[in-house]
């Protein structure tokens, strides 16, 4: 893996923002949505693209394709997957689409998806139902959570003899919960049910997330916590599935092996994928990924507890952070909850940005309105107190 040449350990918090291009007055607490690319990586991308353009045939065909295989091996070591069964996709949604499109699902086959799951994947299942007659089923998981067995019990209660597949978010997007995916994979296997893991947020938040369980497939975004260029995600499959799973775009190398198919998905800009290893190595300047993960998790745990206390709301997961990674979701005060005539989540989000220059998502889940915070190396505790102030002010005006 390409390593940082700097021996200096950068400080966390506000001082680290100089490495990113974020607006100086912006309180950016929404890394979880689209990430944020370091300036250094943007410059590397510009340089690499100019290099590729010196001879596009040589750059894209002769150099990039073998280069992608080397970088895929670096990324596989980071996420804990088999390099031969690991390839790039543009995002985790594309990875899930590739797997679902490759499986021999028949009319009447049930596919289970958690109600906390990513909406784009639920929409994919709805479209698959229209095209192929599968039966997508949403599995509810009540809040607050606490019992680690609750997830397995919910899915096993919803499963039937027609259930063929479970699609599970390793870390939920709306509720920011780190789910016990290994326990679910084991329970599902005992019932003859396969599991596909949507680990969109997992790289950089969890250690070797693809190795957590022997799922049929796992996919994760590198543009989120590893701060890679957007359009950079990875898909890995179990060895016995490698010949059966094809990329979302079928191109020249169909049936010539997993790596051959995924390394060439038609003409694309290979820059985000080629720089994935450098994005991962960028965090070396903060002491390395174990330190970064631990620090971000500690900040998320503390800010989760602080916001629940300041806003006077009950937490949706234990305050010890046992269900958290580098994000946390907090219920909004009662005056900001959905009701006739109330502002939409987008309007509340816009008001926070306009009045306090705070960027973070506001979302409705199961009839309740929440905010979700992200914690990365450039964030610090002092940024979350103004968030509490701004939310309380909006609640008072409401």
Protein backbone atom coordinates (compact mmCIF):
# COMPACT_ATOMS: atom_id res chain seq x y z
CA UNK A 1 0.00 0.00 0.00
CA UNK A 2 1.25 3.48 -0.79
CA UNK A 3 2.36 5.09 2.46
CA UNK A 4 2.43 8.70 3.51
CA UNK A 5 5.89 10.24 3.33
CA UNK A 6 5.17 12.46 6.34
CA UNK A 7 6.56 11.42 9.72
CA UNK A 8 4.66 14.12 11.60
CA UNK A 9 1.55 13.09 13.49
CA UNK A 10 -1.19 15.60 12.71
CA UNK A 11 -3.47 16.84 15.50
CA UNK A 12 -7.15 15.95 15.47
CA UNK A 13 -9.90 18.53 15.37
CA UNK A 14 -10.01 22.05 13.97
CA UNK A 15 -6.30 22.10 13.10
CA UNK A 16 -6.80 19.15 10.74
CA UNK A 17 -9.30 21.07 8.61
CA UNK A 18 -6.41 22.69 6.73
CA UNK A 19 -5.96 19.32 5.00
CA UNK A 20 -9.48 19.58 3.53
CA UNK A 21 -11.16 22.27 1.44
CA UNK A 22 -14.16 22.81 3.71
CA UNK A 23 -15.50 26.36 4.02
CA UNK A 24 -13.83 28.04 6.97
CA UNK A 25 -17.13 29.00 8.63
CA UNK A 26 -18.87 25.66 8.01
CA UNK A 27 -19.48 23.26 10.89
CA UNK A 28 -19.42 20.06 8.85
CA UNK A 29 -20.98 17.20 10.84
CA UNK A 30 -22.13 15.19 7.82
CA UNK A 31 -19.11 13.23 6.67
CA UNK A 32 -21.30 10.12 6.55
CA UNK A 33 -23.31 11.24 3.52
CA UNK A 34 -20.70 11.89 0.81
CA UNK A 35 -17.40 12.01 2.67
CA UNK A 36 -14.92 14.85 2.15
CA UNK A 37 -11.83 14.51 -0.04
CA UNK A 38 -8.47 15.84 1.27
CA UNK A 39 -6.85 18.55 -0.82
CA UNK A 40 -3.75 16.43 -1.28
CA UNK A 41 -5.77 13.62 -2.84
CA UNK A 42 -7.56 16.06 -5.14
CA UNK A 43 -4.17 17.26 -6.35
CA UNK A 44 -2.97 13.67 -6.85
CA UNK A 45 -6.11 12.95 -8.87
CA UNK A 46 -5.50 15.94 -11.09
CA UNK A 47 -1.88 14.89 -11.61
CA UNK A 48 -2.80 11.27 -12.37
CA UNK A 49 -5.49 12.31 -14.85
CA UNK A 50 -2.98 14.50 -16.69
CA UNK A 51 -0.57 11.56 -16.75
CA UNK A 52 -3.24 9.25 -18.19
CA UNK A 53 -4.04 11.81 -20.88
CA UNK A 54 -0.47 11.81 -22.20
CA UNK A 55 -1.44 8.60 -24.01
CA UNK A 56 -5.00 7.55 -23.13
CA UNK A 57 -4.64 4.06 -24.63
CA UNK A 58 -1.48 3.40 -22.67
CA UNK A 59 -2.84 5.12 -19.55
CA UNK A 60 -6.29 3.55 -19.44
CA UNK A 61 -5.67 0.16 -21.04
CA UNK A 62 -2.04 -0.88 -20.55
CA UNK A 63 -1.33 0.82 -17.20
CA UNK A 64 -4.61 1.26 -15.35
CA UNK A 65 -5.95 -2.29 -15.66
CA UNK A 66 -2.93 -4.05 -14.11
CA UNK A 67 -2.68 -1.15 -11.67
CA UNK A 68 -6.23 -1.75 -10.50
CA UNK A 69 -5.40 -5.34 -9.55
CA UNK A 70 -2.49 -4.17 -7.40
CA UNK A 71 -4.65 -1.58 -5.65
CA UNK A 72 -7.48 -4.09 -5.19
CA UNK A 73 -5.04 -6.27 -3.25
CA UNK A 74 -4.16 -3.28 -1.02
CA UNK A 75 -7.82 -2.52 -0.38
CA UNK A 76 -8.56 -6.20 0.29
CA UNK A 77 -5.94 -6.18 3.05
CA UNK A 78 -7.63 -3.11 4.56
CA UNK A 79 -11.19 -4.47 4.54
CA UNK A 80 -10.26 -8.10 5.21
CA UNK A 81 -11.32 -9.77 1.96
CA UNK A 82 -9.76 -12.24 -0.50
CA UNK A 83 -7.92 -10.19 -3.17
CA UNK A 84 -8.92 -12.64 -5.93
CA UNK A 85 -12.59 -12.12 -5.04
CA UNK A 86 -12.40 -8.35 -4.55
CA UNK A 87 -13.16 -5.73 -7.19
CA UNK A 88 -14.09 -2.08 -7.52
CA UNK A 89 -17.56 -0.59 -8.05
CA UNK A 90 -18.64 3.05 -8.05
CA UNK A 91 -20.56 2.79 -4.77
CA UNK A 92 -22.04 0.23 -2.40
CA UNK A 93 -25.45 0.48 -4.07
CA UNK A 94 -23.85 -0.64 -7.33
CA UNK A 95 -22.21 -3.50 -5.45
CA UNK A 96 -25.55 -4.70 -4.06
CA UNK A 97 -27.14 -4.35 -7.50
CA UNK A 98 -24.35 -6.45 -9.01
CA UNK A 99 -24.95 -9.26 -6.51
CA UNK A 100 -28.75 -9.18 -6.70
CA UNK A 101 -28.62 -9.14 -10.48
CA UNK A 102 -26.34 -12.19 -10.50
CA UNK A 103 -28.27 -14.46 -8.13
CA UNK A 104 -30.75 -17.06 -9.38
CA UNK A 105 -33.75 -15.69 -7.52
CA UNK A 106 -37.08 -17.07 -8.72
CA UNK A 107 -40.67 -15.78 -8.52
CA UNK A 108 -41.96 -16.16 -4.98
CA UNK A 109 -38.51 -16.18 -3.38
CA UNK A 110 -38.47 -13.92 -0.31
CA UNK A 111 -35.70 -11.41 0.33
CA UNK A 112 -35.59 -9.81 3.78
CA UNK A 113 -34.38 -6.25 4.41
CA UNK A 114 -34.26 -4.38 7.72
CA UNK A 115 -36.55 -1.38 8.06
CA UNK A 116 -33.44 0.59 9.13
CA UNK A 117 -31.83 -0.36 5.81
CA UNK A 118 -30.72 2.03 3.10
CA UNK A 119 -33.68 3.18 1.02
CA UNK A 120 -31.86 2.80 -2.33
CA UNK A 121 -31.46 -0.93 -1.65
CA UNK A 122 -35.13 -1.27 -0.74
CA UNK A 123 -35.97 0.41 -4.05
CA UNK A 124 -33.66 -2.04 -5.81
CA UNK A 125 -35.58 -4.92 -4.23
CA UNK A 126 -38.89 -3.36 -5.32
CA UNK A 127 -37.63 -3.18 -8.90
CA UNK A 128 -36.40 -6.77 -8.68
CA UNK A 129 -39.90 -7.74 -7.56
CA UNK A 130 -41.34 -6.13 -10.70
CA UNK A 131 -38.83 -7.76 -13.02
CA UNK A 132 -38.48 -11.22 -11.50
CA UNK A 133 -41.37 -11.72 -9.11
CA UNK A 134 -39.38 -11.92 -5.87
CA UNK A 135 -41.09 -10.93 -2.61
CA UNK A 136 -39.21 -8.23 -0.67
CA UNK A 137 -40.09 -8.10 3.04
CA UNK A 138 -39.19 -5.36 5.49
CA UNK A 139 -38.16 -6.61 8.92
CA UNK A 140 -38.82 -4.15 11.79
CA UNK A 141 -36.32 -3.57 14.59
CA UNK A 142 -37.85 -1.49 17.38
CA UNK A 143 -36.08 1.42 19.02
CA UNK A 144 -34.41 1.81 21.42
CA UNK A 145 -32.02 -1.10 20.87
CA UNK A 146 -30.01 -2.81 23.57
CA UNK A 147 -30.34 -6.56 23.35
CA UNK A 148 -27.83 -7.83 20.75
CA UNK A 149 -30.06 -10.86 20.14
CA UNK A 150 -32.95 -8.68 19.00
CA UNK A 151 -31.71 -8.41 15.42
CA UNK A 152 -31.34 -12.15 14.94
CA UNK A 153 -34.70 -12.83 16.58
CA UNK A 154 -36.43 -10.28 14.34
CA UNK A 155 -35.06 -11.81 11.13
CA UNK A 156 -35.60 -15.41 12.16
CA UNK A 157 -39.19 -14.59 13.11
CA UNK A 158 -39.76 -13.04 9.67
CA UNK A 159 -38.09 -15.87 7.73
CA UNK A 160 -40.10 -18.66 6.13
CA UNK A 161 -39.40 -21.69 3.96
CA UNK A 162 -39.52 -19.31 0.95
CA UNK A 163 -36.82 -16.98 2.34
CA UNK A 164 -33.71 -17.26 0.18
CA UNK A 165 -31.74 -14.12 1.00
CA UNK A 166 -31.20 -11.41 3.62
CA UNK A 167 -29.72 -8.04 2.67
CA UNK A 168 -28.36 -6.42 5.83
CA UNK A 169 -26.79 -3.04 6.52
CA UNK A 170 -23.66 -3.60 8.58
CA UNK A 171 -24.08 -0.03 9.84
CA UNK A 172 -27.50 1.52 9.35
CA UNK A 173 -27.72 4.82 7.52
CA UNK A 174 -30.72 6.50 9.21
CA UNK A 175 -30.07 5.25 12.74
CA UNK A 176 -26.24 4.90 12.67
CA UNK A 177 -26.30 1.55 14.47
CA UNK A 178 -23.50 -1.00 14.16
CA UNK A 179 -25.38 -4.28 13.81
CA UNK A 180 -24.23 -7.76 14.91
CA UNK A 181 -23.94 -9.05 11.36
CA UNK A 182 -21.81 -12.11 12.21
CA UNK A 183 -24.50 -13.47 14.53
CA UNK A 184 -27.16 -13.00 11.85
CA UNK A 185 -25.06 -14.70 9.16
CA UNK A 186 -24.56 -17.71 11.44
CA UNK A 187 -28.26 -17.94 12.33
CA UNK A 188 -29.30 -17.56 8.69
CA UNK A 189 -26.84 -20.24 7.55
CA UNK A 190 -28.44 -22.68 9.98
CA UNK A 191 -31.73 -22.08 8.13
CA UNK A 192 -30.14 -22.34 4.67
CA UNK A 193 -30.50 -18.60 4.02
CA UNK A 194 -27.74 -16.56 2.37
CA UNK A 195 -26.81 -13.04 3.55
CA UNK A 196 -25.44 -10.11 1.57
CA UNK A 197 -23.84 -7.37 3.70
CA UNK A 198 -24.23 -3.71 2.74
CA UNK A 199 -21.21 -2.28 4.53
CA UNK A 200 -21.47 1.18 2.98
CA UNK A 201 -20.15 2.94 6.11
CA UNK A 202 -17.95 0.13 7.41
CA UNK A 203 -14.51 0.74 5.80
CA UNK A 204 -12.57 3.03 8.12
CA UNK A 205 -15.21 2.72 10.86
CA UNK A 206 -14.77 -0.99 11.62
CA UNK A 207 -11.59 -3.05 11.54
CA UNK A 208 -11.49 -5.43 8.53
CA UNK A 209 -15.29 -5.35 8.12
CA UNK A 210 -15.44 -7.81 5.21
CA UNK A 211 -13.88 -10.47 7.42
CA UNK A 212 -16.53 -10.15 10.12
CA UNK A 213 -18.65 -12.99 8.74
CA UNK A 214 -18.66 -15.51 5.85
CA UNK A 215 -21.49 -13.76 4.02
CA UNK A 216 -22.24 -14.47 0.36
CA UNK A 217 -21.01 -10.97 -0.48
CA UNK A 218 -19.92 -7.76 1.20
CA UNK A 219 -19.64 -4.25 -0.22
CA UNK A 220 -18.41 -0.97 1.23
CA UNK A 221 -17.73 2.62 0.22
CA UNK A 222 -14.23 4.06 0.29
CA UNK A 223 -15.42 7.60 -0.42
CA UNK A 224 -16.91 7.87 3.07
CA UNK A 225 -14.60 7.29 6.06
CA UNK A 226 -11.38 6.56 4.08
CA UNK A 227 -11.98 9.88 2.24
CA UNK A 228 -11.30 8.46 -1.23
CA UNK A 229 -12.54 10.19 -4.37
CA UNK A 230 -16.25 9.71 -4.97
CA UNK A 231 -17.02 6.80 -7.22
CA UNK A 232 -14.77 4.49 -5.21
CA UNK A 233 -16.24 1.43 -3.51
CA UNK A 234 -15.33 -2.23 -3.23
CA UNK A 235 -17.21 -5.52 -3.58
CA UNK A 236 -15.99 -8.87 -2.29
CA UNK A 237 -17.69 -12.24 -2.62
CA UNK A 238 -17.23 -15.65 -1.07
CA UNK A 239 -14.86 -17.84 -3.09
CA UNK A 240 -17.60 -20.26 -4.13
CA UNK A 241 -19.60 -17.32 -5.55
CA UNK A 242 -16.79 -15.68 -7.55
CA UNK A 243 -17.74 -17.26 -10.87
CA UNK A 244 -21.43 -16.43 -10.40
CA UNK A 245 -21.29 -12.73 -9.46
CA UNK A 246 -20.78 -10.29 -12.32
CA UNK A 247 -20.24 -6.51 -12.31
CA UNK A 248 -23.18 -4.14 -12.76
CA UNK A 249 -21.90 -3.40 -16.29
CA UNK A 250 -21.18 -6.48 -18.41
CA UNK A 251 -18.26 -5.91 -20.75
CA UNK A 252 -15.64 -7.83 -22.73
CA UNK A 253 -14.47 -10.34 -20.12
CA UNK A 254 -17.70 -12.11 -19.18
CA UNK A 255 -17.02 -15.54 -17.61
CA UNK A 256 -13.25 -14.97 -17.63
CA UNK A 257 -13.01 -14.66 -13.85
CA UNK A 258 -14.10 -12.25 -11.13
CA UNK A 259 -11.03 -10.01 -11.26
CA UNK A 260 -10.99 -9.82 -15.07
CA UNK A 261 -14.65 -8.82 -15.18
CA UNK A 262 -14.45 -6.25 -12.39
CA UNK A 263 -11.16 -4.72 -13.55
CA UNK A 264 -12.76 -3.84 -16.89
CA UNK A 265 -16.35 -2.59 -16.73
CA UNK A 266 -16.16 -0.57 -19.91
CA UNK A 267 -14.43 2.78 -20.33
CA UNK A 268 -14.46 4.68 -17.04
CA UNK A 269 -12.18 7.15 -15.31
CA UNK A 270 -9.98 4.78 -13.27
CA UNK A 271 -8.54 7.57 -11.11
CA UNK A 272 -10.71 7.07 -7.98
CA UNK A 273 -9.93 3.35 -7.93
CA UNK A 274 -6.22 3.75 -8.65
CA UNK A 275 -5.88 6.19 -5.72
CA UNK A 276 -7.81 4.07 -3.21
CA UNK A 277 -4.61 2.85 -1.54
CA UNK A 278 -3.32 6.39 -1.17
CA UNK A 279 -6.62 7.46 0.40
CA UNK A 280 -6.35 4.68 2.97
CA UNK A 281 -2.71 5.60 3.71
CA UNK A 282 -3.67 9.26 4.23
CA UNK A 283 -4.75 8.50 7.81
CA UNK A 284 -1.20 7.42 8.68
CA UNK A 285 -0.50 11.07 9.43
CA UNK A 286 -2.98 10.86 12.30
CA UNK A 287 -1.25 7.84 13.80
CA UNK A 288 -2.88 5.14 11.67
CA UNK A 289 -6.32 3.61 11.37
CA UNK A 290 -6.56 1.93 14.81
CA UNK A 291 -5.99 5.32 16.47
CA UNK A 292 -8.33 7.10 14.06
CA UNK A 293 -11.15 4.59 14.57
CA UNK A 294 -10.82 4.66 18.35
CA UNK A 295 -10.72 8.45 18.49
CA UNK A 296 -13.71 8.91 16.18
CA UNK A 297 -15.73 6.32 18.11
CA UNK A 298 -14.90 7.99 21.42
CA UNK A 299 -15.98 11.38 20.06
CA UNK A 300 -19.23 9.94 18.69
CA UNK A 301 -19.99 8.23 22.02
CA UNK A 302 -19.39 11.39 24.04
CA UNK A 303 -21.29 13.69 21.68
CA UNK A 304 -24.20 11.23 21.52
CA UNK A 305 -24.53 11.37 25.32
CA UNK A 306 -24.12 15.16 25.40
CA UNK A 307 -26.78 15.80 22.77
CA UNK A 308 -29.29 13.46 24.39
CA UNK A 309 -28.78 15.30 27.69
CA UNK A 310 -28.88 18.82 26.19
CA UNK A 311 -31.94 18.11 24.05
CA UNK A 312 -33.73 16.20 26.82
CA UNK A 313 -34.38 13.10 24.73
CA UNK A 314 -33.98 9.37 25.30
CA UNK A 315 -31.15 7.67 23.40
CA UNK A 316 -32.01 5.09 20.74
CA UNK A 317 -28.99 2.96 21.74
CA UNK A 318 -26.94 2.56 24.93
CA UNK A 319 -24.91 5.60 25.95
CA UNK A 320 -21.80 3.43 26.33
CA UNK A 321 -21.39 3.50 22.54
CA UNK A 322 -21.66 -0.28 22.19
CA UNK A 323 -23.92 0.09 19.14
CA UNK A 324 -22.01 3.04 17.60
CA UNK A 325 -19.14 3.52 15.21
CA UNK A 326 -18.22 7.06 14.12
CA UNK A 327 -21.81 8.34 13.85
CA UNK A 328 -24.79 8.70 16.15
CA UNK A 329 -28.48 9.44 15.61
CA UNK A 330 -30.37 11.56 18.16
CA UNK A 331 -34.09 12.22 18.47
CA UNK A 332 -35.11 15.86 18.04
CA UNK A 333 -37.09 17.65 20.79
CA UNK A 334 -40.86 17.33 20.68
CA UNK A 335 -41.57 20.76 19.09
CA UNK A 336 -39.56 19.67 16.03
CA UNK A 337 -41.28 16.30 15.61
CA UNK A 338 -43.48 15.71 12.52
CA UNK A 339 -46.96 17.19 12.77
CA UNK A 340 -49.41 18.94 10.42
CA UNK A 341 -47.89 22.18 9.18
CA UNK A 342 -44.44 21.45 10.60
CA UNK A 343 -41.35 22.04 8.45
CA UNK A 344 -40.00 19.10 6.48
CA UNK A 345 -36.67 17.46 7.41
CA UNK A 346 -35.07 19.28 4.47
CA UNK A 347 -36.38 22.62 5.74
CA UNK A 348 -35.02 22.00 9.25
CA UNK A 349 -31.67 21.04 7.73
CA UNK A 350 -31.68 24.21 5.64
CA UNK A 351 -32.47 26.36 8.70
CA UNK A 352 -29.53 24.91 10.62
CA UNK A 353 -27.26 25.65 7.69
CA UNK A 354 -28.61 29.17 7.17
CA UNK A 355 -28.71 30.27 10.81
CA UNK A 356 -25.78 28.41 12.34
CA UNK A 357 -23.72 27.21 9.33
CA UNK A 358 -24.13 23.63 10.54
CA UNK A 359 -24.39 20.88 7.93
CA UNK A 360 -25.89 17.58 9.02
CA UNK A 361 -28.84 15.39 7.98
CA UNK A 362 -32.31 15.64 9.49
CA UNK A 363 -34.44 12.58 8.82
CA UNK A 364 -37.75 10.96 9.62
CA UNK A 365 -37.72 7.31 10.61
CA UNK A 366 -40.77 5.31 11.74
CA UNK A 367 -42.73 8.51 12.32
CA UNK A 368 -40.04 10.14 14.47
CA UNK A 369 -37.63 12.92 13.49
CA UNK A 370 -33.89 12.67 14.20
CA UNK A 371 -30.56 14.32 13.52
CA UNK A 372 -27.42 12.32 12.70
CA UNK A 373 -23.92 13.42 13.59
CA UNK A 374 -20.66 12.22 12.04
CA UNK A 375 -17.27 12.34 13.75
CA UNK A 376 -14.07 12.35 11.72
CA UNK A 377 -10.52 13.48 12.33
CA UNK A 378 -11.27 17.14 11.52
CA UNK A 379 -14.19 17.33 13.97
CA UNK A 380 -13.91 18.25 17.65
CA UNK A 381 -16.21 18.38 20.66
CA UNK A 382 -16.56 22.18 20.50
CA UNK A 383 -18.52 21.87 17.23
CA UNK A 384 -21.39 19.90 18.76
CA UNK A 385 -22.38 22.29 21.55
CA UNK A 386 -23.41 24.96 19.00
CA UNK A 387 -25.51 22.24 17.34
CA UNK A 388 -27.37 21.67 20.59
CA UNK A 389 -27.86 25.43 20.96
CA UNK A 390 -29.18 25.80 17.42
CA UNK A 391 -31.61 22.88 17.75
CA UNK A 392 -32.94 24.20 21.05
CA UNK A 393 -33.43 27.62 19.49
CA UNK A 394 -35.39 26.11 16.59
CA UNK A 395 -37.47 24.11 19.04
CA UNK A 396 -38.26 27.24 21.07
CA UNK A 397 -39.37 29.09 17.92
CA UNK A 398 -41.47 26.13 16.81
